[in-house]
Every structure is written in C-alpha cells, then in structure tokens.
Amino acid sequence: MIWIANVLVALVAVLHVYFLVLEMFLWQKPLGLKTFRNSPEKAAETAVLAANQGLYNGFLAAGLAWGLLHGAPAFAFQIKVFFLLCVVVAGVYGAASVSRRILYVQAAPAAIALALLWLA
C-alpha cells in the first residue's frame, strides 16, 4: 500500500512542477493564457506575481520529493504529510479565493495521497 501512496505523492509533486512551469515560464504564452483564462494584458500585469506563485509550487514539489527520497521512513512520512497538508491548504484557499477548479486540480489529489499515506 505504501508504494501506491508514494506514487500519488510523486504525481502531486510532478503536478506542482507543472504548475511552476506554467506560472514562471508560460504565464504569458498561449498555454498559460488558456490555462488560467487570462487576457494578454492581465497576464502582463500579473507576470511577476505568477512567477512568485510558481516558485512556491516548486518548493512544494521539492518538499514532496525530499519526503520520497529520505532514507528514514518515519521522518519521510512526516515530511510527506507536512507538504501534502500545505498543498491541501493552498488548494482550499485557492478554491475559496480564485476558482473552485483549484479544489479538484490541486487539493483533491493531495488529499487522496494524504489519506493513502495514512492508511499505509
């Protein structure tokens, strides 16, 4: 069961690397504009904020990767739980303040990974 939980943790980490790329490098490109439903003008005005947001997503991905790679199972569990909780909180806040879609794209996968991690 732990390997299933770890696969989901890894998928959440990869998802956050994807968010990093979208927000830091593709924000003003067609994929970024479409994904975030922005106009070119709005994207230009918010590019620095998006890049900062992308950096934070990178930190979440790095923390999850750290948890997956750490050699001490008990500490690795704590690392994964902490960063998954951070993802869930960020996703719930984003859903409440920006778009309900964030709840399904960000918070739900992390919550499922967290639940499986606890069950493992």
N, C-alpha and C. Protein backbone atom coordinates (compact mmCIF):
# COMPACT_ATOMS: atom_id res chain seq x y z
N MET A 1 0.83 -1.20 0.00
CA MET A 1 0.00 0.00 0.00
C MET A 1 0.87 1.26 0.00
N ILE A 2 2.03 1.21 0.65
CA ILE A 2 2.88 2.40 0.72
C ILE A 2 3.35 2.82 -0.66
N TRP A 3 3.58 1.86 -1.54
CA TRP A 3 4.05 2.23 -2.88
C TRP A 3 2.97 2.97 -3.65
N ILE A 4 1.69 2.62 -3.45
CA ILE A 4 0.60 3.34 -4.10
C ILE A 4 0.55 4.77 -3.58
N ALA A 5 0.67 4.92 -2.27
CA ALA A 5 0.68 6.26 -1.66
C ALA A 5 1.85 7.06 -2.20
N ASN A 6 3.02 6.44 -2.30
CA ASN A 6 4.20 7.16 -2.80
C ASN A 6 4.06 7.53 -4.27
N VAL A 7 3.40 6.69 -5.05
CA VAL A 7 3.15 7.05 -6.46
C VAL A 7 2.26 8.29 -6.53
N LEU A 8 1.25 8.35 -5.68
CA LEU A 8 0.38 9.53 -5.66
C LEU A 8 1.12 10.77 -5.16
N VAL A 9 1.96 10.60 -4.16
CA VAL A 9 2.79 11.72 -3.69
C VAL A 9 3.67 12.21 -4.84
N ALA A 10 4.26 11.30 -5.57
CA ALA A 10 5.09 11.67 -6.71
C ALA A 10 4.27 12.40 -7.78
N LEU A 11 3.05 11.93 -8.02
CA LEU A 11 2.19 12.61 -9.01
C LEU A 11 1.84 14.03 -8.57
N VAL A 12 1.60 14.21 -7.28
CA VAL A 12 1.34 15.56 -6.76
C VAL A 12 2.58 16.44 -6.95
N ALA A 13 3.75 15.88 -6.70
CA ALA A 13 5.00 16.62 -6.89
C ALA A 13 5.16 17.02 -8.36
N VAL A 14 4.93 16.09 -9.26
CA VAL A 14 5.05 16.38 -10.70
C VAL A 14 4.03 17.43 -11.11
N LEU A 15 2.83 17.34 -10.58
CA LEU A 15 1.81 18.34 -10.87
C LEU A 15 2.28 19.73 -10.45
N HIS A 16 2.96 19.82 -9.32
CA HIS A 16 3.44 21.13 -8.86
C HIS A 16 4.64 21.63 -9.66
N VAL A 17 5.42 20.72 -10.19
CA VAL A 17 6.46 21.15 -11.13
C VAL A 17 5.81 21.72 -12.38
N TYR A 18 4.74 21.08 -12.83
CA TYR A 18 4.00 21.59 -13.98
C TYR A 18 3.43 22.97 -13.69
N PHE A 19 2.86 23.17 -12.48
CA PHE A 19 2.37 24.50 -12.10
C PHE A 19 3.50 25.52 -12.13
N LEU A 20 4.67 25.12 -11.63
CA LEU A 20 5.84 26.01 -11.64
C LEU A 20 6.13 26.45 -13.07
N VAL A 21 6.19 25.51 -13.99
CA VAL A 21 6.50 25.83 -15.39
C VAL A 21 5.43 26.75 -15.97
N LEU A 22 4.17 26.43 -15.73
CA LEU A 22 3.08 27.27 -16.24
C LEU A 22 3.18 28.70 -15.71
N GLU A 23 3.40 28.82 -14.42
CA GLU A 23 3.35 30.14 -13.79
C GLU A 23 4.64 30.95 -13.97
N MET A 24 5.76 30.28 -14.05
CA MET A 24 7.02 31.01 -14.17
C MET A 24 7.44 31.26 -15.61
N PHE A 25 7.13 30.31 -16.50
CA PHE A 25 7.67 30.39 -17.86
C PHE A 25 6.61 30.51 -18.96
N LEU A 26 5.40 30.04 -18.69
CA LEU A 26 4.38 30.02 -19.74
C LEU A 26 3.20 30.95 -19.45
N TRP A 27 3.30 31.74 -18.42
CA TRP A 27 2.20 32.61 -17.98
C TRP A 27 1.66 33.49 -19.11
N GLN A 28 2.55 34.06 -19.91
CA GLN A 28 2.13 34.97 -20.98
C GLN A 28 2.08 34.29 -22.35
N LYS A 29 2.32 33.00 -22.38
CA LYS A 29 2.28 32.23 -23.62
C LYS A 29 0.87 31.67 -23.81
N PRO A 30 0.55 31.19 -25.02
CA PRO A 30 -0.81 30.69 -25.27
C PRO A 30 -1.31 29.63 -24.27
N LEU A 31 -0.45 28.68 -23.90
CA LEU A 31 -0.89 27.65 -22.95
C LEU A 31 -1.21 28.26 -21.59
N GLY A 32 -0.37 29.17 -21.12
CA GLY A 32 -0.62 29.83 -19.84
C GLY A 32 -1.87 30.69 -19.88
N LEU A 33 -2.05 31.44 -20.96
CA LEU A 33 -3.24 32.28 -21.10
C LEU A 33 -4.51 31.43 -21.08
N LYS A 34 -4.48 30.32 -21.80
CA LYS A 34 -5.65 29.44 -21.87
C LYS A 34 -5.91 28.76 -20.53
N THR A 35 -4.85 28.24 -19.92
CA THR A 35 -5.00 27.51 -18.67
C THR A 35 -5.60 28.38 -17.58
N PHE A 36 -5.11 29.61 -17.47
CA PHE A 36 -5.56 30.49 -16.40
C PHE A 36 -6.63 31.48 -16.84
N ARG A 37 -7.07 31.33 -18.09
CA ARG A 37 -8.15 32.16 -18.63
C ARG A 37 -7.85 33.65 -18.48
N ASN A 38 -6.63 34.00 -18.86
CA ASN A 38 -6.17 35.39 -18.77
C ASN A 38 -6.13 36.03 -20.14
N SER A 39 -6.27 37.33 -20.15
CA SER A 39 -6.01 38.10 -21.37
C SER A 39 -4.51 38.40 -21.39
N PRO A 40 -3.96 38.71 -22.56
CA PRO A 40 -2.54 39.08 -22.61
C PRO A 40 -2.22 40.27 -21.71
N GLU A 41 -3.15 41.21 -21.62
CA GLU A 41 -2.92 42.40 -20.79
C GLU A 41 -2.87 42.04 -19.30
N LYS A 42 -3.83 41.24 -18.87
CA LYS A 42 -3.85 40.83 -17.46
C LYS A 42 -2.62 39.98 -17.14
N ALA A 43 -2.24 39.10 -18.05
CA ALA A 43 -1.06 38.25 -17.83
C ALA A 43 0.20 39.11 -17.71
N ALA A 44 0.32 40.14 -18.53
CA ALA A 44 1.49 41.02 -18.46
C ALA A 44 1.54 41.74 -17.12
N GLU A 45 0.38 42.17 -16.63
CA GLU A 45 0.32 42.90 -15.36
C GLU A 45 0.62 42.01 -14.15
N THR A 46 0.33 40.73 -14.27
CA THR A 46 0.46 39.83 -13.12
C THR A 46 1.62 38.84 -13.25
N ALA A 47 2.47 39.01 -14.24
CA ALA A 47 3.53 38.05 -14.50
C ALA A 47 4.48 37.86 -13.32
N VAL A 48 4.83 38.94 -12.65
CA VAL A 48 5.76 38.82 -11.51
C VAL A 48 5.09 38.07 -10.36
N LEU A 49 3.81 38.35 -10.13
CA LEU A 49 3.08 37.62 -9.07
C LEU A 49 2.98 36.14 -9.41
N ALA A 50 2.71 35.84 -10.67
CA ALA A 50 2.60 34.45 -11.10
C ALA A 50 3.93 33.72 -10.94
N ALA A 51 5.01 34.39 -11.28
CA ALA A 51 6.33 33.77 -11.14
C ALA A 51 6.62 33.45 -9.68
N ASN A 52 6.24 34.34 -8.79
CA ASN A 52 6.43 34.09 -7.36
C ASN A 52 5.58 32.90 -6.91
N GLN A 53 4.36 32.86 -7.38
CA GLN A 53 3.46 31.74 -7.08
C GLN A 53 4.05 30.43 -7.61
N GLY A 54 4.62 30.47 -8.80
CA GLY A 54 5.25 29.30 -9.39
C GLY A 54 6.42 28.81 -8.55
N LEU A 55 7.18 29.75 -8.03
CA LEU A 55 8.32 29.39 -7.18
C LEU A 55 7.84 28.63 -5.95
N TYR A 56 6.76 29.09 -5.35
CA TYR A 56 6.21 28.39 -4.18
C TYR A 56 5.74 26.98 -4.55
N ASN A 57 5.16 26.83 -5.72
CA ASN A 57 4.78 25.49 -6.17
C ASN A 57 6.01 24.61 -6.32
N GLY A 58 7.11 25.19 -6.75
CA GLY A 58 8.37 24.45 -6.84
C GLY A 58 8.85 24.00 -5.47
N PHE A 59 8.68 24.85 -4.47
CA PHE A 59 9.07 24.47 -3.11
C PHE A 59 8.23 23.29 -2.62
N LEU A 60 6.93 23.31 -2.93
CA LEU A 60 6.07 22.19 -2.55
C LEU A 60 6.53 20.90 -3.22
N ALA A 61 6.83 20.99 -4.52
CA ALA A 61 7.32 19.81 -5.25
C ALA A 61 8.64 19.31 -4.65
N ALA A 62 9.53 20.23 -4.32
CA ALA A 62 10.82 19.84 -3.74
C ALA A 62 10.63 19.16 -2.39
N GLY A 63 9.72 19.67 -1.59
CA GLY A 63 9.46 19.06 -0.29
C GLY A 63 8.90 17.65 -0.42
N LEU A 64 7.99 17.48 -1.36
CA LEU A 64 7.44 16.13 -1.58
C LEU A 64 8.51 15.18 -2.10
N ALA A 65 9.35 15.66 -2.99
CA ALA A 65 10.45 14.82 -3.49
C ALA A 65 11.40 14.46 -2.34
N TRP A 66 11.68 15.41 -1.48
CA TRP A 66 12.52 15.16 -0.31
C TRP A 66 11.92 14.04 0.54
N GLY A 67 10.62 14.11 0.77
CA GLY A 67 9.95 13.07 1.54
C GLY A 67 10.04 11.71 0.88
N LEU A 68 9.94 11.69 -0.44
CA LEU A 68 10.02 10.43 -1.16
C LEU A 68 11.42 9.83 -1.14
N LEU A 69 12.43 10.69 -1.10
CA LEU A 69 13.82 10.23 -1.20
C LEU A 69 14.51 10.02 0.15
N HIS A 70 13.92 10.53 1.21
CA HIS A 70 14.57 10.43 2.52
C HIS A 70 14.67 8.98 2.95
N GLY A 71 15.80 8.63 3.54
CA GLY A 71 16.08 7.25 3.91
C GLY A 71 15.42 6.75 5.18
N ALA A 72 15.06 7.65 6.08
CA ALA A 72 14.43 7.23 7.34
C ALA A 72 12.91 7.25 7.17
N PRO A 73 12.27 6.09 7.14
CA PRO A 73 10.84 6.02 6.84
C PRO A 73 9.95 6.89 7.73
N ALA A 74 10.23 6.93 9.02
CA ALA A 74 9.37 7.71 9.93
C ALA A 74 9.48 9.21 9.62
N PHE A 75 10.70 9.68 9.37
CA PHE A 75 10.88 11.09 9.06
C PHE A 75 10.35 11.40 7.66
N ALA A 76 10.53 10.48 6.73
CA ALA A 76 10.00 10.66 5.38
C ALA A 76 8.48 10.80 5.42
N PHE A 77 7.83 10.00 6.26
CA PHE A 77 6.39 10.09 6.43
C PHE A 77 5.99 11.49 6.91
N GLN A 78 6.69 12.00 7.90
CA GLN A 78 6.38 13.34 8.44
C GLN A 78 6.57 14.42 7.38
N ILE A 79 7.62 14.31 6.60
CA ILE A 79 7.88 15.29 5.54
C ILE A 79 6.74 15.27 4.52
N LYS A 80 6.36 14.08 4.08
CA LYS A 80 5.29 13.96 3.09
C LYS A 80 3.97 14.49 3.64
N VAL A 81 3.66 14.16 4.88
CA VAL A 81 2.42 14.63 5.49
C VAL A 81 2.42 16.17 5.55
N PHE A 82 3.51 16.75 5.99
CA PHE A 82 3.59 18.21 6.09
C PHE A 82 3.35 18.88 4.75
N PHE A 83 4.08 18.42 3.72
CA PHE A 83 3.96 19.08 2.42
C PHE A 83 2.62 18.80 1.75
N LEU A 84 2.06 17.61 1.95
CA LEU A 84 0.72 17.35 1.41
C LEU A 84 -0.32 18.22 2.10
N LEU A 85 -0.18 18.41 3.41
CA LEU A 85 -1.10 19.31 4.11
C LEU A 85 -0.97 20.74 3.59
N CYS A 86 0.26 21.17 3.30
CA CYS A 86 0.46 22.50 2.71
C CYS A 86 -0.25 22.61 1.37
N VAL A 87 -0.16 21.58 0.55
CA VAL A 87 -0.82 21.57 -0.76
C VAL A 87 -2.34 21.64 -0.58
N VAL A 88 -2.88 20.84 0.34
CA VAL A 88 -4.32 20.84 0.58
C VAL A 88 -4.78 22.23 1.04
N VAL A 89 -4.09 22.81 1.99
CA VAL A 89 -4.47 24.14 2.49
C VAL A 89 -4.41 25.17 1.37
N ALA A 90 -3.34 25.15 0.59
CA ALA A 90 -3.21 26.09 -0.53
C ALA A 90 -4.33 25.87 -1.54
N GLY A 91 -4.67 24.62 -1.80
CA GLY A 91 -5.74 24.32 -2.75
C GLY A 91 -7.10 24.77 -2.26
N VAL A 92 -7.38 24.56 -0.99
CA VAL A 92 -8.66 25.01 -0.41
C VAL A 92 -8.73 26.54 -0.44
N TYR A 93 -7.65 27.19 -0.09
CA TYR A 93 -7.63 28.67 -0.13
C TYR A 93 -7.81 29.16 -1.57
N GLY A 94 -7.11 28.54 -2.50
CA GLY A 94 -7.25 28.92 -3.90
C GLY A 94 -8.66 28.71 -4.41
N ALA A 95 -9.28 27.61 -4.00
CA ALA A 95 -10.66 27.34 -4.42
C ALA A 95 -11.62 28.38 -3.85
N ALA A 96 -11.37 28.80 -2.62
CA ALA A 96 -12.25 29.79 -1.99
C ALA A 96 -12.02 31.20 -2.54
N SER A 97 -10.79 31.50 -2.94
CA SER A 97 -10.47 32.88 -3.32
C SER A 97 -10.34 33.11 -4.82
N VAL A 98 -10.09 32.07 -5.60
CA VAL A 98 -9.83 32.26 -7.03
C VAL A 98 -10.82 31.47 -7.88
N SER A 99 -10.79 30.15 -7.76
CA SER A 99 -11.61 29.29 -8.61
C SER A 99 -11.84 27.95 -7.94
N ARG A 100 -13.08 27.48 -7.97
CA ARG A 100 -13.41 26.18 -7.38
C ARG A 100 -12.64 25.06 -8.07
N ARG A 101 -12.24 25.29 -9.31
CA ARG A 101 -11.48 24.30 -10.08
C ARG A 101 -10.19 23.89 -9.36
N ILE A 102 -9.60 24.80 -8.62
CA ILE A 102 -8.35 24.53 -7.89
C ILE A 102 -8.55 23.42 -6.86
N LEU A 103 -9.75 23.34 -6.31
CA LEU A 103 -10.05 22.29 -5.34
C LEU A 103 -9.85 20.91 -5.96
N TYR A 104 -10.26 20.76 -7.20
CA TYR A 104 -10.17 19.46 -7.87
C TYR A 104 -8.79 19.19 -8.47
N VAL A 105 -8.15 20.24 -8.94
CA VAL A 105 -6.85 20.07 -9.62
C VAL A 105 -5.71 19.96 -8.62
N GLN A 106 -5.78 20.70 -7.51
CA GLN A 106 -4.67 20.76 -6.57
C GLN A 106 -4.97 20.06 -5.25
N ALA A 107 -6.06 20.44 -4.59
CA ALA A 107 -6.32 19.93 -3.25
C ALA A 107 -6.74 18.46 -3.24
N ALA A 108 -7.60 18.06 -4.15
CA ALA A 108 -8.11 16.68 -4.14
C ALA A 108 -7.01 15.63 -4.33
N PRO A 109 -6.11 15.78 -5.33
CA PRO A 109 -5.05 14.77 -5.45
C PRO A 109 -4.18 14.69 -4.19
N ALA A 110 -3.89 15.84 -3.60
CA ALA A 110 -3.07 15.83 -2.38
C ALA A 110 -3.82 15.19 -1.22
N ALA A 111 -5.12 15.45 -1.11
CA ALA A 111 -5.91 14.85 -0.03
C ALA A 111 -5.99 13.34 -0.19
N ILE A 112 -6.14 12.88 -1.42
CA ILE A 112 -6.18 11.43 -1.67
C ILE A 112 -4.83 10.80 -1.32
N ALA A 113 -3.75 11.45 -1.75
CA ALA A 113 -2.40 10.95 -1.42
C ALA A 113 -2.19 10.93 0.09
N LEU A 114 -2.66 11.96 0.77
CA LEU A 114 -2.53 12.03 2.23
C LEU A 114 -3.31 10.90 2.90
N ALA A 115 -4.53 10.66 2.45
CA ALA A 115 -5.34 9.59 3.02
C ALA A 115 -4.68 8.23 2.81
N LEU A 116 -4.16 7.99 1.61
CA LEU A 116 -3.49 6.71 1.35
C LEU A 116 -2.21 6.57 2.14
N LEU A 117 -1.52 7.68 2.32
CA LEU A 117 -0.29 7.65 3.12
C LEU A 117 -0.61 7.26 4.56
N TRP A 118 -1.67 7.83 5.10
CA TRP A 118 -2.08 7.50 6.49
C TRP A 118 -2.53 6.04 6.59
N LEU A 119 -3.23 5.54 5.56
CA LEU A 119 -3.68 4.16 5.59
C LEU A 119 -2.53 3.16 5.43
N ALA A 120 -1.48 3.60 4.77
CA ALA A 120 -0.33 2.70 4.56
C ALA A 120 0.43 2.56 5.86
